[in-house]
Amino acid sequence: MTDAAQARGGAPGAAASAARPHGLPSPDGVGPEPEAPPGPGPVPLLEPRDGPPALVASVPDLDRAVAALGAGGGPVAVDAERASGFRYGHRAFLVQLRRADAGTVLIDPVACPNLTGLDEALAGAEVVLHAASQDLPCLAELGFRPRALFDTELAGRLLGFPRVGLGALVESVLGWTLEKGHAAADWSVRPLPAELLRYAALDVEVLVELRDALAARLAEQGKTEWAEQEFAAHLAAKPPGPRPDPWRRTSGIHRVHSRRGLAIVRELWQERDKIARRRDLSPGRVLSDTAIVEAARALPGSQADLADLPGFQGRGARRHASTWRRAVQRVRGQAEAELPGPALPPPDGPPPTHRWQERDPVAASRLAAVRTVVAALADEHTLPAENLLPPDVVRRLAWQPPDPPGVAEVAADLAAHGARPWQVGLTALPISRALGRLIEKAEEAGPAAEAGPAEGSGPAQAAEG
């Protein structure tokens, strides 16, 4: 049992035998609390404490489940399962919830795609999610938009845990191990196997207990306000707009060095996307990124050449061989002016940092100085540097800093780029000092360089001596 579990009077999960029928009420008020594990090591969490929940797959069943969850008390543990490796897009194929006095509810969003009733019933409840940024968009598509959030993954990051996956946190904080063998399963299959439903129920089994333990640690470290600001920012974040050139995110595109090769990436990516959308398949199951990049590098001149390339020999790729051939032929016939060039930096942002030293050495020095400050502060407060100050904020500040870089000016700049108040409060002063020191060094070096060597100290004088 971990120290955290001992402090809470025992672990909240299942005993090694997964037997639950005898014991005291559980911390969330649902089902019996299992006996404490007999040994000091982590114990597998094998079965839901209330037994396997039934799948909600009809409107009447959904109404009853919503009423039960609405009448429950305390935070609501929520999770969603997607099938991004199998289906097009990132929609949810299962939604799991657990709340005190209501138990665990598994909802099939294919059969029950409208969760606005659930949204209304839980409007006043805190929703506990793990890695909320992954689940909030697909829940919003169903009409469920939490108003209050606790993200256990983000809490783990703020607390400095080296591993913040759900299984790792449950094991290190609560002393139980979760089975993760079905994380990459195809959740779009129907009917869903009982084994998958059991696995899904266990993902929310101890999420509220984990939330409570992490909240206590946040309070101990004085980080509660930090977490609350982060959670609120996640809820307020607007969905990102469409990317202007999504094909440029093809894995391995950095290996394509010609404009015509980039055009092949673009054409094949767009054709693949049309097919994947129409067939509701993950694009990688239609044609892999590796195949697209190999075609772009080889610039094949015939159907046979294309078919011989890695990634074009599988059944899925062969099914659309004529589509790939026509796409490549179109590119070979395009004029030079029609071919895409290298990726451009965002119009409102700095260029890639690897180009800074060549384009603006002073800016590169500022970036190094700010990164050093952020890294030292992150180490002092035991959290990742990217959570102390997002890398994009660091880059924007270093590329175009306020003039002068006083504390108030740096604070305003950080806030304008999206830094939270707690982040601004920790970093504005030390960053301002670091930027000020760079200016002072530049000013000191300027007059010395202009004056040149002192009289009598040149090479000839030294030789005479």
Foldseek 3Di string as FASTA:
>chain_A
DAPLQVVVPAFQAAEQVSDFQDAPQGPQQPAHGYDHYPDDAFHARQFFRVGQDDEAQAPVSVVVLLVQVLPFDAAKEKDFAFQLQWFPDGAGQWIWIAGRRRGIYIYGCVRVLACLSSQVSCAPHEYEEEPVLSPQVNVVSSNHAHPHYAHQLVLCQLLQDPDRDLQVLCCNNRRYGADCPCNNPRSNDPPDDSVVSRSVSVSRRCRVVSSVSSCVSCVVLVNNVVRRLVRNCSSPDDDDDDDPQVLVPLPPLVVQDDLLLVQQSSLVVVVLVVVSVVVRTNSCQQFHSVLSNQCSRVLDDDLVSSCPTPGCVDPNNVVCSVSSRVSSVVSVPDDPVPGDDDDDDPPPADGPLVCCCVPPVQLNVLLVLLLVQLCVLCVVSNHDSCSLANPRLSRRCSVDNDVVLDLVRQLVSSVVVPDGPVSSVSRSHSSNVSSVVSVVVVVVVVVDVVVDDDPLPDPVSVVVD
